[in-house]
Amino acid sequence: MPKIVHFEVNADDISRAKAFYEKVFKWKIRSWEGNPDYHVIEAGEESEEGINGGLQQREDSEDQIFNYISVSSVDEIKKLIEKNGGTIESPKISVPGVGHFYMFKDTEGNKLGVMEEDEDAK
């Protein structure tokens, strides 16, 4: 069953947001080697429940916390999203060594992402 596997915090000021989450929650935040403008959040120890995330520059004023749902095929889920009243908000995005993504809005206007893991993605 698909489940949320990653979250992203969108920030106007990356340094300020990084300092906040590190000081308040003791999260470890570092630049990602695949894109130094993207910051990986380690939100707890590996043995603890929960998921990790990322910190990125806010691109749109409506962007808040963003969740990604893991699926076996983003192309199949894209069809189901559209068939059931959702809207696709991005072209298919491929991140090398990570996988494929679509951003979408559900029937209530909530923005989320679907992710298909694929280490061979280019």
Protein backbone atom coordinates (compact mmCIF):
# COMPACT_ATOMS: atom_id res chain seq x y z
CA MET A 1 0.00 0.00 0.00
CA PRO A 2 1.42 3.45 -0.88
CA LYS A 3 2.55 5.52 2.10
CA ILE A 4 4.25 8.85 2.75
CA VAL A 5 8.00 8.31 2.57
CA HIS A 6 9.51 11.81 2.43
CA PHE A 7 8.61 15.38 3.38
CA GLU A 8 9.95 18.75 2.30
CA VAL A 9 9.98 22.01 4.21
CA ASN A 10 9.83 25.06 1.94
CA ALA A 11 11.58 28.15 3.30
CA ASP A 12 12.05 31.78 2.37
CA ASP A 13 15.34 31.87 4.29
CA ILE A 14 17.19 28.52 4.25
CA SER A 15 19.74 29.51 6.92
CA ARG A 16 17.02 30.71 9.30
CA ALA A 17 14.89 27.58 8.78
CA LYS A 18 17.92 25.30 9.15
CA ALA A 19 18.89 26.94 12.44
CA PHE A 20 15.31 26.69 13.71
CA TYR A 21 14.89 22.95 13.03
CA GLU A 22 18.38 22.09 14.27
CA LYS A 23 17.90 23.99 17.53
CA VAL A 24 14.28 23.05 18.24
CA PHE A 25 14.19 19.39 17.12
CA LYS A 26 17.93 18.57 16.96
CA TRP A 27 17.52 17.50 13.33
CA LYS A 28 20.72 17.04 11.31
CA ILE A 29 20.54 19.09 8.11
CA ARG A 30 23.19 19.01 5.40
CA SER A 31 23.52 19.92 1.72
CA TRP A 32 22.74 17.02 -0.61
CA GLU A 33 25.68 15.96 -2.79
CA GLY A 34 23.31 15.65 -5.80
CA ASN A 35 22.25 19.31 -5.51
CA PRO A 36 23.97 21.62 -2.99
CA ASP A 37 20.90 23.94 -2.98
CA TYR A 38 18.81 21.07 -1.55
CA HIS A 39 19.31 20.13 2.10
CA VAL A 40 18.68 16.65 3.50
CA ILE A 41 16.95 16.44 6.88
CA GLU A 42 17.75 13.52 9.17
CA ALA A 43 14.74 13.79 11.49
CA GLY A 44 15.75 11.37 14.21
CA GLU A 45 17.73 8.20 14.58
CA GLU A 46 17.36 5.33 12.11
CA SER A 47 15.92 3.18 14.93
CA GLU A 48 13.11 5.69 15.58
CA GLU A 49 9.75 5.68 13.80
CA GLY A 50 9.10 8.30 11.17
CA ILE A 51 10.53 9.58 7.93
CA ASN A 52 13.30 11.93 6.86
CA GLY A 53 12.94 14.90 4.58
CA GLY A 54 14.42 17.88 2.85
CA LEU A 55 14.70 21.64 3.14
CA GLN A 56 14.46 23.76 0.02
CA GLN A 57 13.94 27.32 -1.18
CA ARG A 58 10.25 28.21 -1.45
CA GLU A 59 9.36 28.61 -5.13
CA ASP A 60 5.68 29.55 -4.78
CA SER A 61 4.06 31.50 -1.96
CA GLU A 62 1.52 28.70 -1.43
CA ASP A 63 4.22 26.04 -0.91
CA GLN A 64 4.25 24.78 2.68
CA ILE A 65 5.20 21.32 3.99
CA PHE A 66 5.18 18.93 1.05
CA ASN A 67 4.71 15.14 1.32
CA TYR A 68 5.72 12.43 -1.15
CA ILE A 69 3.83 9.15 -1.49
CA SER A 70 5.77 6.10 -2.67
CA VAL A 71 4.16 4.19 -5.57
CA SER A 72 5.26 1.39 -7.86
CA SER A 73 4.50 3.38 -11.04
CA VAL A 74 4.08 7.16 -11.23
CA ASP A 75 2.62 6.85 -14.72
CA GLU A 76 -0.15 4.50 -13.55
CA ILE A 77 -0.91 6.65 -10.50
CA LYS A 78 -1.00 9.77 -12.71
CA LYS A 79 -3.88 8.21 -14.65
CA LEU A 80 -5.74 7.36 -11.41
CA ILE A 81 -5.22 10.86 -10.01
CA GLU A 82 -6.72 12.44 -13.12
CA LYS A 83 -9.55 9.89 -13.38
CA ASN A 84 -10.58 10.57 -9.79
CA GLY A 85 -10.65 14.36 -9.85
CA GLY A 86 -7.08 15.31 -9.02
CA THR A 87 -4.85 17.45 -11.22
CA ILE A 88 -1.25 16.92 -12.26
CA GLU A 89 0.80 20.02 -11.43
CA SER A 90 4.16 19.15 -13.02
CA PRO A 91 5.69 17.26 -15.90
CA LYS A 92 7.27 13.93 -14.98
CA ILE A 93 10.44 14.76 -13.06
CA SER A 94 13.39 12.36 -12.97
CA VAL A 95 16.15 12.75 -10.39
CA PRO A 96 19.28 10.78 -11.32
CA GLY A 97 19.89 7.85 -9.00
CA VAL A 98 16.68 8.54 -7.04
CA GLY A 99 13.58 8.04 -9.18
CA HIS A 100 10.62 9.65 -10.93
CA PHE A 101 8.04 12.11 -9.60
CA TYR A 102 4.81 13.94 -10.38
CA MET A 103 3.41 16.80 -8.32
CA PHE A 104 -0.37 16.84 -8.04
CA LYS A 105 -3.30 18.42 -6.26
CA ASP A 106 -6.01 16.29 -4.73
CA THR A 107 -9.72 17.10 -4.98
CA GLU A 108 -9.36 19.51 -2.03
CA GLY A 109 -6.49 21.51 -3.51
CA ASN A 110 -3.77 19.93 -1.37
CA LYS A 111 -0.44 19.68 -3.19
CA LEU A 112 1.50 16.40 -2.87
CA GLY A 113 4.00 14.34 -4.81
CA VAL A 114 4.17 10.74 -5.95
CA MET A 115 7.54 9.03 -6.16
CA GLU A 116 8.67 5.88 -7.95
CA GLU A 117 12.09 4.80 -6.72
CA ASP A 118 14.51 3.98 -9.55
CA GLU A 119 18.26 3.93 -8.91
CA ASP A 120 18.78 3.87 -12.70
CA ALA A 121 16.84 7.11 -13.25
CA LYS A 122 18.61 9.65 -15.43
